[in-house]
Protein backbone atom coordinates (compact mmCIF):
# COMPACT_ATOMS: atom_id res chain seq x y z
CA UNK A 1 -6.41 28.43 -27.57
CA UNK A 2 -6.68 25.18 -29.53
CA UNK A 3 -3.16 24.20 -28.47
CA UNK A 4 -3.93 24.88 -24.81
CA UNK A 5 -7.05 22.70 -25.00
CA UNK A 6 -5.01 19.97 -26.72
CA UNK A 7 -2.27 20.07 -24.09
CA UNK A 8 -4.89 19.87 -21.32
CA UNK A 9 -6.47 16.86 -22.98
CA UNK A 10 -3.02 15.26 -23.39
CA UNK A 11 -2.25 15.88 -19.71
CA UNK A 12 -5.58 14.28 -18.75
CA UNK A 13 -4.85 11.21 -20.87
CA UNK A 14 -1.35 10.90 -19.40
CA UNK A 15 -2.87 11.12 -15.91
CA UNK A 16 -5.27 8.30 -16.82
CA UNK A 17 -2.32 6.23 -18.02
CA UNK A 18 -0.41 6.90 -14.80
CA UNK A 19 -3.45 5.82 -12.78
CA UNK A 20 -3.59 2.59 -14.78
CA UNK A 21 0.09 1.98 -13.99
CA UNK A 22 -0.55 2.50 -10.26
CA UNK A 23 -3.52 0.13 -10.37
CA UNK A 24 -1.39 -2.43 -12.24
CA UNK A 25 1.27 -2.24 -9.53
CA UNK A 26 -1.32 -2.78 -6.78
CA UNK A 27 -2.74 -5.82 -8.55
CA UNK A 28 0.79 -7.19 -9.10
CA UNK A 29 1.52 -6.82 -5.39
CA UNK A 30 -1.72 -8.59 -4.47
CA UNK A 31 -0.97 -11.36 -6.97
CA UNK A 32 2.50 -11.81 -5.52
CA UNK A 33 1.11 -12.02 -1.96
CA UNK A 34 -1.43 -14.62 -3.07
CA UNK A 35 1.33 -16.60 -4.77
CA UNK A 36 3.34 -16.62 -1.54
CA UNK A 37 0.29 -17.76 0.44
CA UNK A 38 -0.40 -20.49 -2.11
CA UNK A 39 3.16 -21.79 -1.86
CA UNK A 40 3.02 -21.76 1.95
CA UNK A 41 -0.24 -23.71 1.92
CA UNK A 42 1.14 -26.24 -0.57
CA UNK A 43 4.10 -26.81 1.74
CA UNK A 44 1.74 -27.31 4.69
CA UNK A 45 -0.29 -29.78 2.59
CA UNK A 46 2.88 -31.72 1.76
CA UNK A 47 3.78 -31.86 5.45
CA UNK A 48 0.28 -33.06 6.34
CA UNK A 49 0.53 -35.77 3.68
CA UNK A 50 3.59 -37.15 5.49
CA UNK A 51 1.66 -37.58 8.76
CA UNK A 52 -0.31 -40.68 9.68
CA UNK A 53 -3.89 -40.48 10.95
CA UNK A 54 -2.83 -40.81 14.61
CA UNK A 55 -0.58 -37.73 14.47
CA UNK A 56 -1.53 -34.78 16.63
CA UNK A 57 -2.15 -31.50 14.83
CA UNK A 58 -2.58 -28.18 16.62
CA UNK A 59 -4.07 -24.95 15.37
CA UNK A 60 -3.01 -21.59 16.75
CA UNK A 61 -6.11 -19.67 17.84
CA UNK A 62 -5.12 -16.42 19.51
CA UNK A 63 -2.47 -17.24 22.10
CA UNK A 64 -3.56 -20.89 22.48
CA UNK A 65 -2.77 -24.07 20.56
CA UNK A 66 -5.96 -26.07 20.06
CA UNK A 67 -5.87 -29.73 19.04
CA UNK A 68 -7.44 -30.37 15.66
CA UNK A 69 -8.26 -33.54 13.74
CA UNK A 70 -5.79 -34.22 10.92
CA UNK A 71 -8.59 -34.65 8.37
CA UNK A 72 -10.13 -31.31 9.37
CA UNK A 73 -6.73 -29.60 9.12
CA UNK A 74 -6.11 -31.16 5.68
CA UNK A 75 -9.55 -30.07 4.50
CA UNK A 76 -8.94 -26.51 5.72
CA UNK A 77 -5.62 -26.31 3.88
CA UNK A 78 -7.14 -27.78 0.71
CA UNK A 79 -9.98 -25.24 0.86
CA UNK A 80 -7.48 -22.40 1.30
CA UNK A 81 -5.51 -23.64 -1.71
CA UNK A 82 -8.69 -23.66 -3.84
CA UNK A 83 -9.69 -20.19 -2.62
CA UNK A 84 -6.24 -18.69 -3.19
CA UNK A 85 -6.02 -20.28 -6.66
CA UNK A 86 -9.39 -18.77 -7.58
CA UNK A 87 -8.32 -15.35 -6.31
CA UNK A 88 -5.06 -15.59 -8.28
CA UNK A 89 -7.00 -16.31 -11.48
CA UNK A 90 -9.14 -13.22 -10.83
CA UNK A 91 -6.01 -11.13 -10.34
CA UNK A 92 -4.47 -12.51 -13.55
CA UNK A 93 -7.62 -11.59 -15.50
CA UNK A 94 -7.53 -8.13 -13.95
CA UNK A 95 -3.87 -7.73 -14.94
CA UNK A 96 -4.70 -8.66 -18.54
CA UNK A 97 -7.57 -6.17 -18.60
CA UNK A 98 -5.36 -3.38 -17.22
CA UNK A 99 -2.61 -4.22 -19.74
CA UNK A 100 -5.18 -3.90 -22.55
CA UNK A 101 -6.38 -0.56 -21.14
CA UNK A 102 -2.78 0.66 -20.94
CA UNK A 103 -2.19 -0.21 -24.61
CA UNK A 104 -5.38 1.59 -25.59
CA UNK A 105 -4.36 4.59 -23.50
CA UNK A 106 -0.91 4.65 -25.15
CA UNK A 107 -2.61 4.77 -28.55
CA UNK A 108 -4.81 7.69 -27.45
CA UNK A 109 -1.76 9.55 -26.12
CA UNK A 110 0.17 8.82 -29.33
CA UNK A 111 -2.64 10.20 -31.49
CA UNK A 112 -2.89 13.34 -29.37
CA UNK A 113 0.87 13.88 -29.58
CA UNK A 114 0.76 13.58 -33.38
CA UNK A 115 -2.11 16.07 -33.56
CA UNK A 116 -0.34 18.53 -31.26
């Protein structure tokens, strides 16, 4: 009876660990997508920096291209870069927290395996 209870507890702890791994993968995917968006926006910023103030810039809104002021477009890109950078930092902190939880969960599983 004791062994059955122990194996159930071990299975529960392993399930928790597996859930942490799934969550870690989701956060990694999100972080990777944010990194791609950040790189794209940095490239756009570099392109904007090459333009002079009289250059025409167009923004795609639905099916139409709408003329936009260069300064406004630069500001929008800069704001996106700041936002994406902030979101990436949040994701990195979340990854660290999940890694810590995984280590703690491994210790719990290890102790249960030694007891069983």
